[in-house]
Structure formats: structure tokens, C-alpha cells
Amino acid sequence: MLKKMFLPCTLAAAMTAGVALQAPPPAHGFANSAPSFACMSCHPGTMQGDMIRLRDLPETYSPGRTYTLTLELDSTLESLGEQQGGFAVRASAGELIVKDQTDTQIIDDILTHTLEGSHRRSWTFSWQAPGEPSPWWQFWGQDQKEPVPDVSITVMAVAANGDFSSMGDEIGAAGFTLLAE
């Protein structure tokens, strides 16, 4: 009886393992998102110092104002497939806002790409600056408000070669500091 059960159990285990190997990737990681800044733990590619461009980012910000920003990856790396790249953005203050739910999402206060968003190397999102907008009378110094902080925006990104492996991709990291007006 034991020998008869061994073969079916072995076949069932092998079939389960085969199904597990072909299962879709988990919700975090691969082309679905970058919920942390540990890109190099999976993508041991070359660090590119000037790959990340954050368009329309002001040097100084107005408290409470919302800015629309575009993250672009400047890479000549050609992709062999649909996956072009991915990213993670964190702001030390203010609020990151998804503008395109098809291509971007927020996971644990980090703005990142979706599976569909990994098919590109450019993403648009918004950032709302911390603090309250000043009423007109505060410009004459009648009321003092709390100081607003300088803000750090940290970006890590991957330009993918699309071969469905973590090898041969390019990685970029950048930090931006915005001063309050």
C-alpha cells in the first residue's frame, strides 16, 4: 500500500512544483512595482549617474502648491521585450499623487510603476508641497506661520533590457532638494 501511494504523491508534488514555477510573479517585484529602493539587490547592472531626469521640478516650492512632474530615464539600452523600465520615488514631505493609475501606483508611501507602466521609460505624477498656502495678508508680515521644511525627493530607477532576467539592466539613483520659498 505504501508503494502505491508513493508514486501518486510524487507525481502530485512534481506537478505542484511545475505549476509553482510557472506562477505569475508576486505583487511586489519584477515588472509590477518597486516598493523599496533595493533595485540593485535584484538588478546587478551598471549604476548610471546621469540617467534620471525629473522634469518641471522647481528649485523652490510654494507651500501647499501641487506640481506636475515627469520622470524620464535617459538610457540608450535597447529592450528586447515589452519591459522598458521601472522606478521608485519617495518625498520627505508633502504628498506624492498618482496621475495615471494605469502606469503608476503608490505602495507604502513610495510612488512606483505598475506592470503596464514597466512598458515605458517616462512617467508623469504630481507632488503636493507641504504646508498651507499663505493668505495675501501674510505677505506683509502681519501673521507669522510655522516654517516649512526643505524637501528631499529620492528616485531610483531601472532601464530594463527586456530579457526577463535581472542581468544587463541599467540602474540610476538621484536625489533632489527643494527649498521652501
N, C-alpha and C. Protein backbone atom coordinates (compact mmCIF):
# COMPACT_ATOMS: atom_id res chain seq x y z
N MET A 1 0.82 -1.18 0.00
CA MET A 1 0.00 0.00 0.00
C MET A 1 0.87 1.25 0.00
N LEU A 2 1.98 1.24 0.75
CA LEU A 2 2.87 2.38 0.83
C LEU A 2 3.49 2.67 -0.54
N LYS A 3 3.90 1.64 -1.28
CA LYS A 3 4.49 1.84 -2.59
C LYS A 3 3.48 2.43 -3.57
N LYS A 4 2.22 2.03 -3.48
CA LYS A 4 1.19 2.56 -4.38
C LYS A 4 0.95 4.04 -4.12
N MET A 5 1.04 4.49 -2.88
CA MET A 5 0.80 5.90 -2.54
C MET A 5 2.00 6.76 -2.89
N PHE A 6 3.22 6.17 -2.88
CA PHE A 6 4.43 6.93 -3.13
C PHE A 6 4.44 7.54 -4.53
N LEU A 7 4.10 6.78 -5.55
CA LEU A 7 4.12 7.26 -6.93
C LEU A 7 3.10 8.38 -7.14
N PRO A 8 1.82 8.21 -6.76
CA PRO A 8 0.88 9.32 -6.94
C PRO A 8 1.29 10.57 -6.16
N CYS A 9 1.79 10.42 -4.97
CA CYS A 9 2.22 11.57 -4.18
C CYS A 9 3.41 12.26 -4.84
N THR A 10 4.35 11.49 -5.36
CA THR A 10 5.50 12.06 -6.05
C THR A 10 5.06 12.82 -7.29
N LEU A 11 4.15 12.23 -8.06
CA LEU A 11 3.63 12.92 -9.25
C LEU A 11 2.90 14.19 -8.88
N ALA A 12 2.10 14.14 -7.84
CA ALA A 12 1.36 15.34 -7.40
C ALA A 12 2.33 16.43 -6.95
N ALA A 13 3.37 16.07 -6.23
CA ALA A 13 4.35 17.04 -5.78
C ALA A 13 5.10 17.65 -6.97
N ALA A 14 5.46 16.82 -7.93
CA ALA A 14 6.17 17.31 -9.11
C ALA A 14 5.28 18.25 -9.93
N MET A 15 4.01 17.90 -10.06
CA MET A 15 3.08 18.76 -10.81
C MET A 15 2.88 20.08 -10.08
N THR A 16 2.78 20.04 -8.78
CA THR A 16 2.62 21.26 -7.99
C THR A 16 3.85 22.14 -8.14
N ALA A 17 5.03 21.55 -8.09
CA ALA A 17 6.26 22.32 -8.26
C ALA A 17 6.32 22.94 -9.64
N GLY A 18 5.88 22.20 -10.65
CA GLY A 18 5.87 22.75 -12.01
C GLY A 18 4.92 23.91 -12.13
N VAL A 19 3.76 23.82 -11.51
CA VAL A 19 2.80 24.91 -11.54
C VAL A 19 3.37 26.10 -10.79
N ALA A 20 4.03 25.87 -9.66
CA ALA A 20 4.60 26.96 -8.87
C ALA A 20 5.68 27.69 -9.65
N LEU A 21 6.46 26.95 -10.46
CA LEU A 21 7.49 27.59 -11.26
C LEU A 21 6.91 28.47 -12.36
N GLN A 22 5.70 28.15 -12.80
CA GLN A 22 5.09 28.92 -13.87
C GLN A 22 4.08 29.94 -13.34
N ALA A 23 3.96 30.07 -12.05
CA ALA A 23 3.01 31.01 -11.47
C ALA A 23 3.44 32.43 -11.77
N PRO A 24 2.50 33.38 -11.83
CA PRO A 24 2.87 34.76 -12.08
C PRO A 24 3.71 35.32 -10.95
N PRO A 25 4.49 36.38 -11.22
CA PRO A 25 5.33 36.96 -10.18
C PRO A 25 4.48 37.56 -9.08
N PRO A 26 5.05 37.72 -7.90
CA PRO A 26 4.29 38.30 -6.80
C PRO A 26 3.93 39.75 -7.08
N ALA A 27 3.02 40.28 -6.28
CA ALA A 27 2.54 41.66 -6.49
C ALA A 27 3.66 42.67 -6.36
N HIS A 28 4.66 42.43 -5.52
CA HIS A 28 5.79 43.34 -5.37
C HIS A 28 7.00 42.72 -6.05
N GLY A 29 7.62 43.48 -6.91
CA GLY A 29 8.83 42.98 -7.56
C GLY A 29 8.59 42.68 -9.02
N PHE A 30 9.61 42.27 -9.67
CA PHE A 30 9.61 42.04 -11.11
C PHE A 30 9.10 43.28 -11.82
N ALA A 31 8.23 43.14 -12.79
CA ALA A 31 7.76 44.28 -13.56
C ALA A 31 6.55 44.95 -12.92
N ASN A 32 6.11 44.47 -11.77
CA ASN A 32 4.90 45.01 -11.18
C ASN A 32 5.11 46.28 -10.39
N SER A 33 6.22 46.40 -9.68
CA SER A 33 6.44 47.58 -8.86
C SER A 33 7.83 47.53 -8.26
N ALA A 34 8.19 48.62 -7.64
CA ALA A 34 9.46 48.71 -6.93
C ALA A 34 9.16 49.31 -5.56
N PRO A 35 8.63 48.52 -4.63
CA PRO A 35 8.20 49.08 -3.36
C PRO A 35 9.31 49.41 -2.38
N SER A 36 10.54 49.42 -2.84
CA SER A 36 11.66 49.80 -1.99
C SER A 36 12.74 50.38 -2.89
N PHE A 37 13.84 50.78 -2.27
CA PHE A 37 14.95 51.33 -3.04
C PHE A 37 16.09 50.33 -3.12
N ALA A 38 15.75 49.06 -3.17
CA ALA A 38 16.75 48.00 -3.22
C ALA A 38 16.86 47.43 -4.63
N CYS A 39 16.80 48.27 -5.64
CA CYS A 39 16.83 47.81 -7.03
C CYS A 39 18.06 46.95 -7.32
N MET A 40 19.20 47.35 -6.76
CA MET A 40 20.43 46.63 -7.08
C MET A 40 20.49 45.24 -6.44
N SER A 41 19.59 44.95 -5.51
CA SER A 41 19.59 43.60 -4.95
C SER A 41 19.09 42.59 -5.98
N CYS A 42 18.27 43.03 -6.94
CA CYS A 42 17.79 42.14 -8.00
C CYS A 42 18.39 42.47 -9.36
N HIS A 43 18.81 43.71 -9.56
CA HIS A 43 19.36 44.16 -10.85
C HIS A 43 20.82 44.55 -10.64
N PRO A 44 21.75 43.60 -10.81
CA PRO A 44 23.16 43.91 -10.56
C PRO A 44 23.81 44.59 -11.76
N GLY A 45 23.10 45.52 -12.38
CA GLY A 45 23.63 46.20 -13.56
C GLY A 45 24.55 47.35 -13.20
N THR A 46 24.86 48.14 -14.18
CA THR A 46 25.77 49.26 -14.04
C THR A 46 25.02 50.48 -13.50
N MET A 47 25.55 51.15 -12.48
CA MET A 47 24.95 52.35 -11.93
C MET A 47 25.24 53.52 -12.88
N GLN A 48 24.20 54.17 -13.33
CA GLN A 48 24.30 55.30 -14.24
C GLN A 48 24.00 56.58 -13.46
N GLY A 49 24.99 57.44 -13.32
CA GLY A 49 24.83 58.64 -12.51
C GLY A 49 23.92 59.70 -13.09
N ASP A 50 23.78 59.73 -14.41
CA ASP A 50 23.01 60.80 -15.03
C ASP A 50 21.80 60.27 -15.81
N MET A 51 21.30 59.12 -15.46
CA MET A 51 20.19 58.50 -16.19
C MET A 51 18.84 59.13 -15.85
N ILE A 52 18.67 59.65 -14.64
CA ILE A 52 17.37 60.11 -14.16
C ILE A 52 17.19 61.60 -14.42
N ARG A 53 16.07 61.93 -15.04
CA ARG A 53 15.67 63.32 -15.26
C ARG A 53 14.30 63.51 -14.61
N LEU A 54 14.17 64.55 -13.80
CA LEU A 54 12.88 64.88 -13.19
C LEU A 54 12.49 66.25 -13.71
N ARG A 55 11.61 66.24 -14.70
CA ARG A 55 11.21 67.47 -15.40
C ARG A 55 10.21 68.27 -14.58
N ASP A 56 10.30 69.60 -14.72
CA ASP A 56 9.38 70.56 -14.11
C ASP A 56 9.49 70.59 -12.59
N LEU A 57 10.60 70.15 -12.05
CA LEU A 57 10.83 70.20 -10.61
C LEU A 57 11.38 71.58 -10.26
N PRO A 58 10.70 72.33 -9.40
CA PRO A 58 11.19 73.66 -9.06
C PRO A 58 12.36 73.59 -8.08
N GLU A 59 13.21 74.61 -8.08
CA GLU A 59 14.28 74.69 -7.09
C GLU A 59 13.72 75.09 -5.74
N THR A 60 12.70 75.96 -5.76
CA THR A 60 12.00 76.35 -4.55
C THR A 60 10.52 76.06 -4.77
N TYR A 61 9.82 75.77 -3.69
CA TYR A 61 8.41 75.45 -3.81
C TYR A 61 7.56 76.39 -2.96
N SER A 62 6.31 76.53 -3.37
CA SER A 62 5.33 77.31 -2.62
C SER A 62 4.53 76.34 -1.76
N PRO A 63 4.42 76.61 -0.46
CA PRO A 63 3.67 75.71 0.42
C PRO A 63 2.24 75.47 -0.08
N GLY A 64 1.85 74.19 -0.09
CA GLY A 64 0.50 73.80 -0.48
C GLY A 64 0.28 73.68 -1.97
N ARG A 65 1.20 74.15 -2.78
CA ARG A 65 1.03 74.09 -4.24
C ARG A 65 1.27 72.68 -4.76
N THR A 66 0.55 72.30 -5.81
CA THR A 66 0.74 70.99 -6.45
C THR A 66 1.51 71.17 -7.75
N TYR A 67 2.54 70.36 -7.91
CA TYR A 67 3.40 70.40 -9.09
C TYR A 67 3.24 69.10 -9.86
N THR A 68 3.15 69.20 -11.18
CA THR A 68 3.12 68.02 -12.05
C THR A 68 4.54 67.80 -12.56
N LEU A 69 5.07 66.60 -12.31
CA LEU A 69 6.44 66.26 -12.64
C LEU A 69 6.49 65.08 -13.61
N THR A 70 7.52 65.03 -14.41
CA THR A 70 7.71 63.91 -15.32
C THR A 70 9.09 63.30 -15.07
N LEU A 71 9.09 62.02 -14.74
CA LEU A 71 10.32 61.27 -14.55
C LEU A 71 10.68 60.61 -15.87
N GLU A 72 11.91 60.85 -16.34
CA GLU A 72 12.38 60.27 -17.59
C GLU A 72 13.69 59.54 -17.34
N LEU A 73 13.83 58.38 -17.98
CA LEU A 73 15.09 57.64 -17.92
C LEU A 73 15.84 57.86 -19.23
N ASP A 74 17.01 58.44 -19.12
CA ASP A 74 17.84 58.72 -20.29
C ASP A 74 18.83 57.57 -20.45
N SER A 75 18.45 56.60 -21.29
CA SER A 75 19.28 55.42 -21.48
C SER A 75 19.24 54.99 -22.94
N THR A 76 20.39 54.57 -23.44
CA THR A 76 20.45 54.05 -24.81
C THR A 76 20.28 52.53 -24.83
N LEU A 77 20.11 51.93 -23.66
CA LEU A 77 19.93 50.48 -23.57
C LEU A 77 18.65 50.08 -24.31
N GLU A 78 18.79 49.19 -25.28
CA GLU A 78 17.61 48.72 -26.02
C GLU A 78 16.95 47.57 -25.29
N SER A 79 15.63 47.56 -25.36
CA SER A 79 14.88 46.50 -24.71
C SER A 79 14.52 45.43 -25.75
N LEU A 80 14.67 44.17 -25.35
CA LEU A 80 14.34 43.04 -26.22
C LEU A 80 12.86 42.67 -26.13
N GLY A 81 12.15 43.26 -25.19
CA GLY A 81 10.76 42.91 -24.97
C GLY A 81 9.93 44.12 -24.58
N GLU A 82 8.78 43.85 -23.98
CA GLU A 82 7.88 44.93 -23.59
C GLU A 82 8.40 45.74 -22.41
N GLN A 83 9.07 45.09 -21.46
CA GLN A 83 9.54 45.79 -20.27
C GLN A 83 10.68 46.73 -20.63
N GLN A 84 10.45 48.03 -20.35
CA GLN A 84 11.44 49.07 -20.64
C GLN A 84 12.14 49.55 -19.38
N GLY A 85 11.38 49.60 -18.25
CA GLY A 85 11.99 50.14 -17.04
C GLY A 85 11.02 50.21 -15.89
N GLY A 86 11.52 50.73 -14.79
CA GLY A 86 10.72 50.90 -13.59
C GLY A 86 11.38 51.90 -12.68
N PHE A 87 10.67 52.29 -11.61
CA PHE A 87 11.18 53.33 -10.74
C PHE A 87 10.53 53.28 -9.36
N ALA A 88 11.14 54.01 -8.44
CA ALA A 88 10.59 54.25 -7.11
C ALA A 88 10.92 55.69 -6.74
N VAL A 89 9.92 56.42 -6.22
CA VAL A 89 10.10 57.81 -5.81
C VAL A 89 9.57 57.97 -4.39
N ARG A 90 10.34 58.67 -3.56
CA ARG A 90 9.89 58.99 -2.20
C ARG A 90 10.16 60.47 -1.94
N ALA A 91 9.22 61.12 -1.28
CA ALA A 91 9.37 62.53 -0.88
C ALA A 91 9.41 62.59 0.64
N SER A 92 10.33 63.40 1.18
CA SER A 92 10.47 63.51 2.63
C SER A 92 9.33 64.30 3.26
N ALA A 93 8.63 65.09 2.48
CA ALA A 93 7.49 65.85 2.97
C ALA A 93 6.56 66.12 1.79
N GLY A 94 5.35 66.50 2.09
CA GLY A 94 4.36 66.70 1.04
C GLY A 94 3.71 65.37 0.69
N GLU A 95 3.04 65.34 -0.45
CA GLU A 95 2.32 64.14 -0.84
C GLU A 95 2.54 63.83 -2.32
N LEU A 96 2.96 62.60 -2.61
CA LEU A 96 3.04 62.12 -3.99
C LEU A 96 1.65 61.72 -4.43
N ILE A 97 1.29 62.08 -5.67
CA ILE A 97 -0.08 61.85 -6.16
C ILE A 97 0.00 61.13 -7.50
N VAL A 98 -0.75 60.05 -7.62
CA VAL A 98 -0.84 59.31 -8.87
C VAL A 98 -1.70 60.10 -9.85
N LYS A 99 -1.18 60.33 -11.05
CA LYS A 99 -1.96 60.99 -12.10
C LYS A 99 -2.48 59.98 -13.11
N ASP A 100 -1.75 58.89 -13.30
CA ASP A 100 -2.10 57.88 -14.29
C ASP A 100 -2.12 56.53 -13.59
N GLN A 101 -3.32 56.06 -13.23
CA GLN A 101 -3.44 54.81 -12.48
C GLN A 101 -3.09 53.58 -13.30
N THR A 102 -3.01 53.71 -14.59
CA THR A 102 -2.61 52.58 -15.44
C THR A 102 -1.12 52.31 -15.31
N ASP A 103 -0.32 53.38 -15.21
CA ASP A 103 1.13 53.24 -15.24
C ASP A 103 1.82 53.44 -13.90
N THR A 104 1.15 54.09 -12.94
CA THR A 104 1.79 54.37 -11.65
C THR A 104 0.87 54.02 -10.50
N GLN A 105 1.48 53.81 -9.33
CA GLN A 105 0.73 53.45 -8.12
C GLN A 105 1.56 53.86 -6.91
N ILE A 106 0.92 53.91 -5.75
CA ILE A 106 1.64 54.19 -4.50
C ILE A 106 1.53 52.97 -3.62
N ILE A 107 2.69 52.50 -3.16
CA ILE A 107 2.78 51.36 -2.24
C ILE A 107 3.65 51.80 -1.08
N ASP A 108 3.11 51.78 0.13
CA ASP A 108 3.87 52.13 1.33
C ASP A 108 4.55 53.49 1.20
N ASP A 109 3.82 54.50 0.74
CA ASP A 109 4.31 55.88 0.57
C ASP A 109 5.40 56.02 -0.49
N ILE A 110 5.57 55.02 -1.33
CA ILE A 110 6.52 55.10 -2.44
C ILE A 110 5.73 55.07 -3.73
N LEU A 111 5.98 56.06 -4.59
CA LEU A 111 5.37 56.08 -5.91
C LEU A 111 6.20 55.17 -6.80
N THR A 112 5.54 54.28 -7.54
CA THR A 112 6.24 53.31 -8.36
C THR A 112 5.41 52.98 -9.60
N HIS A 113 5.97 52.18 -10.48
CA HIS A 113 5.29 51.80 -11.71
C HIS A 113 4.37 50.59 -11.48
N THR A 114 3.45 50.40 -12.38
CA THR A 114 2.62 49.19 -12.43
C THR A 114 3.22 48.26 -13.48
N LEU A 115 2.60 47.12 -13.68
CA LEU A 115 3.04 46.22 -14.75
C LEU A 115 2.97 46.93 -16.10
N GLU A 116 1.84 47.61 -16.36
CA GLU A 116 1.71 48.34 -17.62
C GLU A 116 2.73 49.47 -17.70
N GLY A 117 3.02 50.09 -16.56
CA GLY A 117 3.98 51.18 -16.52
C GLY A 117 5.41 50.76 -16.78
N SER A 118 5.70 49.46 -16.66
CA SER A 118 7.05 48.98 -16.95
C SER A 118 7.33 48.92 -18.45
N HIS A 119 6.33 49.23 -19.25
CA HIS A 119 6.49 49.21 -20.71
C HIS A 119 6.98 50.57 -21.23
N ARG A 120 7.43 51.42 -20.34
CA ARG A 120 7.86 52.75 -20.74
C ARG A 120 9.08 53.19 -19.94
N ARG A 121 9.62 54.35 -20.29
CA ARG A 121 10.72 54.96 -19.53
C ARG A 121 10.42 56.41 -19.20
N SER A 122 9.16 56.74 -19.14
CA SER A 122 8.73 58.08 -18.78
C SER A 122 7.39 57.98 -18.07
N TRP A 123 7.27 58.68 -16.92
CA TRP A 123 6.05 58.62 -16.11
C TRP A 123 5.75 60.01 -15.59
N THR A 124 4.47 60.36 -15.52
CA THR A 124 4.04 61.66 -15.01
C THR A 124 3.26 61.45 -13.72
N PHE A 125 3.54 62.28 -12.73
CA PHE A 125 2.85 62.22 -11.45
C PHE A 125 2.83 63.63 -10.85
N SER A 126 2.17 63.79 -9.73
CA SER A 126 2.12 65.09 -9.06
C SER A 126 2.71 64.98 -7.67
N TRP A 127 3.16 66.11 -7.18
CA TRP A 127 3.63 66.23 -5.81
C TRP A 127 3.03 67.49 -5.22
N GLN A 128 2.34 67.34 -4.08
CA GLN A 128 1.79 68.49 -3.39
C GLN A 128 2.75 68.88 -2.28
N ALA A 129 3.20 70.12 -2.34
CA ALA A 129 4.16 70.63 -1.36
C ALA A 129 3.53 70.68 0.03
N PRO A 130 4.35 70.51 1.07
CA PRO A 130 3.81 70.59 2.43
C PRO A 130 3.44 72.03 2.79
N GLY A 131 2.62 72.15 3.81
CA GLY A 131 2.26 73.47 4.32
C GLY A 131 0.98 74.00 3.69
N GLU A 132 0.54 75.10 4.23
CA GLU A 132 -0.68 75.76 3.76
C GLU A 132 -0.28 76.94 2.88
N PRO A 133 -1.03 77.19 1.82
CA PRO A 133 -0.76 78.40 1.04
C PRO A 133 -0.97 79.63 1.92
N SER A 134 -0.16 80.64 1.73
CA SER A 134 -0.25 81.86 2.54
C SER A 134 -1.37 82.76 2.05
N PRO A 135 -2.23 83.24 2.96
CA PRO A 135 -3.20 84.26 2.57
C PRO A 135 -2.46 85.55 2.19
N TRP A 136 -3.08 86.39 1.40
CA TRP A 136 -2.41 87.59 0.90
C TRP A 136 -1.90 88.49 2.01
N TRP A 137 -2.59 88.55 3.17
CA TRP A 137 -2.16 89.46 4.23
C TRP A 137 -0.89 89.00 4.93
N GLN A 138 -0.53 87.71 4.78
CA GLN A 138 0.69 87.25 5.43
C GLN A 138 1.94 87.72 4.68
N PHE A 139 1.78 88.15 3.45
CA PHE A 139 2.93 88.64 2.72
C PHE A 139 3.46 89.95 3.30
N TRP A 140 2.64 90.68 4.07
CA TRP A 140 3.08 91.93 4.68
C TRP A 140 3.59 91.72 6.09
N GLY A 141 3.77 90.45 6.50
CA GLY A 141 4.37 90.14 7.78
C GLY A 141 3.44 90.32 8.97
N GLN A 142 2.14 90.41 8.75
CA GLN A 142 1.21 90.60 9.86
C GLN A 142 1.07 89.33 10.69
N ASP A 143 1.09 88.19 10.07
CA ASP A 143 0.95 86.92 10.78
C ASP A 143 2.13 86.03 10.42
N GLN A 144 2.77 85.47 11.41
CA GLN A 144 3.86 84.55 11.15
C GLN A 144 3.32 83.12 11.21
N LYS A 145 3.72 82.30 10.29
CA LYS A 145 3.29 80.90 10.29
C LYS A 145 4.50 80.02 10.55
N GLU A 146 4.23 78.75 10.79
CA GLU A 146 5.32 77.80 11.04
C GLU A 146 6.19 77.68 9.79
N PRO A 147 7.49 77.55 9.98
CA PRO A 147 8.36 77.38 8.81
C PRO A 147 8.08 76.03 8.14
N VAL A 148 8.20 76.02 6.82
CA VAL A 148 8.02 74.77 6.09
C VAL A 148 9.40 74.18 5.80
N PRO A 149 9.48 72.86 5.75
CA PRO A 149 10.80 72.21 5.63
C PRO A 149 11.33 72.22 4.20
N ASP A 150 12.65 72.07 4.09
CA ASP A 150 13.23 71.72 2.79
C ASP A 150 12.78 70.29 2.53
N VAL A 151 12.62 69.95 1.27
CA VAL A 151 12.10 68.63 0.91
C VAL A 151 13.13 67.89 0.07
N SER A 152 13.34 66.62 0.40
CA SER A 152 14.19 65.74 -0.40
C SER A 152 13.30 64.80 -1.20
N ILE A 153 13.57 64.72 -2.48
CA ILE A 153 12.89 63.75 -3.34
C ILE A 153 13.96 62.78 -3.82
N THR A 154 13.75 61.50 -3.52
CA THR A 154 14.71 60.46 -3.85
C THR A 154 14.12 59.57 -4.94
N VAL A 155 14.92 59.28 -5.96
CA VAL A 155 14.47 58.47 -7.09
C VAL A 155 15.48 57.36 -7.34
N MET A 156 14.98 56.17 -7.57
CA MET A 156 15.80 55.06 -8.03
C MET A 156 15.05 54.45 -9.20
N ALA A 157 15.78 54.09 -10.25
CA ALA A 157 15.12 53.60 -11.46
C ALA A 157 15.96 52.55 -12.15
N VAL A 158 15.29 51.76 -12.97
CA VAL A 158 15.93 50.71 -13.76
C VAL A 158 15.53 50.89 -15.22
N ALA A 159 16.51 50.95 -16.11
CA ALA A 159 16.26 50.85 -17.55
C ALA A 159 16.48 49.38 -17.88
N ALA A 160 15.41 48.69 -18.21
CA ALA A 160 15.47 47.24 -18.40
C ALA A 160 15.80 46.88 -19.84
N ASN A 161 16.51 45.75 -20.01
CA ASN A 161 16.81 45.28 -21.35
C ASN A 161 15.73 44.32 -21.88
N GLY A 162 14.72 44.05 -21.06
CA GLY A 162 13.56 43.29 -21.50
C GLY A 162 13.77 41.82 -21.73
N ASP A 163 14.85 41.24 -21.20
CA ASP A 163 15.10 39.82 -21.44
C ASP A 163 14.52 38.93 -20.34
N PHE A 164 13.70 39.50 -19.46
CA PHE A 164 13.04 38.78 -18.36
C PHE A 164 14.04 38.21 -17.36
N SER A 165 15.23 38.82 -17.30
CA SER A 165 16.18 38.48 -16.24
C SER A 165 16.60 39.78 -15.59
N SER A 166 17.31 39.68 -14.51
CA SER A 166 17.78 40.88 -13.83
C SER A 166 19.17 41.29 -14.31
N MET A 167 19.74 40.56 -15.23
CA MET A 167 21.09 40.83 -15.70
C MET A 167 21.08 41.80 -16.88
N GLY A 168 22.07 42.68 -16.93
CA GLY A 168 22.25 43.56 -18.07
C GLY A 168 21.42 44.83 -18.04
N ASP A 169 20.68 45.07 -16.97
CA ASP A 169 19.89 46.28 -16.86
C ASP A 169 20.76 47.43 -16.36
N GLU A 170 20.30 48.66 -16.55
CA GLU A 170 20.99 49.83 -16.03
C GLU A 170 20.20 50.39 -14.85
N ILE A 171 20.91 50.83 -13.83
CA ILE A 171 20.28 51.36 -12.62
C ILE A 171 20.73 52.79 -12.44
N GLY A 172 19.79 53.63 -12.01
CA GLY A 172 20.12 55.02 -11.72
C GLY A 172 19.53 55.43 -10.39
N ALA A 173 20.19 56.37 -9.74
CA ALA A 173 19.69 56.91 -8.48
C ALA A 173 19.97 58.41 -8.47
N ALA A 174 19.03 59.16 -7.90
CA ALA A 174 19.21 60.61 -7.84
C ALA A 174 18.45 61.15 -6.63
N GLY A 175 18.97 62.23 -6.09
CA GLY A 175 18.32 62.93 -5.01
C GLY A 175 18.19 64.41 -5.35
N PHE A 176 17.06 64.99 -5.02
CA PHE A 176 16.79 66.39 -5.31
C PHE A 176 16.34 67.07 -4.03
N THR A 177 16.84 68.27 -3.77
CA THR A 177 16.42 69.04 -2.60
C THR A 177 15.70 70.28 -3.06
N LEU A 178 14.51 70.49 -2.52
CA LEU A 178 13.70 71.66 -2.85
C LEU A 178 13.63 72.55 -1.61
N LEU A 179 13.87 73.82 -1.79
CA LEU A 179 13.82 74.78 -0.70
C LEU A 179 12.46 75.46 -0.69
N ALA A 180 11.96 75.75 0.48
CA ALA A 180 10.69 76.48 0.60
C ALA A 180 10.92 77.94 0.22
N GLU A 181 9.93 78.54 -0.41
CA GLU A 181 10.03 79.96 -0.77
C GLU A 181 10.01 80.82 0.46
